[in-house]
Amino acid sequence: MKSKTGFTLIEVLAAMAVLVILVLALTRMFVQAADITKRGNTALMRNSTGETALET
């Protein structure tokens, strides 16, 4: 009798669930990083505008 190797349906579903959770976490992290970058750039522009206004 041959020994069957492979994964059960439960194992595959569990692995997929873990991967989905990881992808969702990474997506959220990238969205937050983009938001922080946007806020930082806005603050930089405000500071630059303020400095220019004070110099003139």
Protein backbone atom coordinates (compact mmCIF):
# COMPACT_ATOMS: atom_id res chain seq x y z
CA MET A 1 0.00 0.00 0.00
CA LYS A 2 1.32 3.44 -0.96
CA SER A 3 1.72 6.13 1.66
CA LYS A 4 -0.16 9.29 0.70
CA THR A 5 1.66 12.53 1.31
CA GLY A 6 0.22 16.01 1.15
CA PHE A 7 -1.86 18.43 3.11
CA THR A 8 -5.37 18.02 4.40
CA LEU A 9 -8.08 20.51 3.56
CA ILE A 10 -8.00 21.86 7.12
CA GLU A 11 -4.25 22.47 6.92
CA VAL A 12 -4.59 24.32 3.61
CA LEU A 13 -7.45 26.46 4.95
CA ALA A 14 -5.50 27.27 8.11
CA ALA A 15 -2.46 28.31 6.07
CA MET A 16 -4.63 30.49 3.83
CA ALA A 17 -6.20 32.15 6.88
CA VAL A 18 -2.77 32.96 8.28
CA LEU A 19 -1.65 34.39 4.93
CA VAL A 20 -4.78 36.54 4.65
CA ILE A 21 -4.19 37.94 8.14
CA LEU A 22 -0.57 38.75 7.25
CA VAL A 23 -1.54 40.44 3.99
CA LEU A 24 -4.20 42.52 5.75
CA ALA A 25 -1.71 43.58 8.42
CA LEU A 26 0.88 44.57 5.81
CA THR A 27 -1.71 46.47 3.79
CA ARG A 28 -2.79 48.42 6.85
CA MET A 29 0.83 49.18 7.68
CA PHE A 30 1.50 50.55 4.18
CA VAL A 31 -1.66 52.69 4.27
CA GLN A 32 -0.64 54.14 7.63
CA ALA A 33 2.89 54.80 6.35
CA ALA A 34 1.48 56.66 3.35
CA ASP A 35 -0.75 58.74 5.63
CA ILE A 36 2.14 59.61 7.93
CA THR A 37 4.28 60.58 4.94
CA LYS A 38 1.50 62.82 3.62
CA ARG A 39 1.10 64.53 7.01
CA GLY A 40 4.86 64.99 7.28
CA ASN A 41 5.06 66.56 3.84
CA THR A 42 2.18 68.90 4.71
CA ALA A 43 3.90 69.98 7.92
CA LEU A 44 7.16 70.52 6.03
CA MET A 45 5.42 72.74 3.48
CA ARG A 46 3.76 74.76 6.26
CA ASN A 47 7.09 75.28 8.01
CA SER A 48 8.76 76.26 4.77
CA THR A 49 5.99 78.74 3.98
CA GLY A 50 6.21 80.17 7.50
CA GLU A 51 9.97 80.60 7.27
CA THR A 52 9.64 82.33 3.92
CA ALA A 53 6.98 84.67 5.31
CA LEU A 54 9.14 85.57 8.31
CA GLU A 55 12.23 86.20 6.17
CA THR A 56 10.53 88.71 3.90
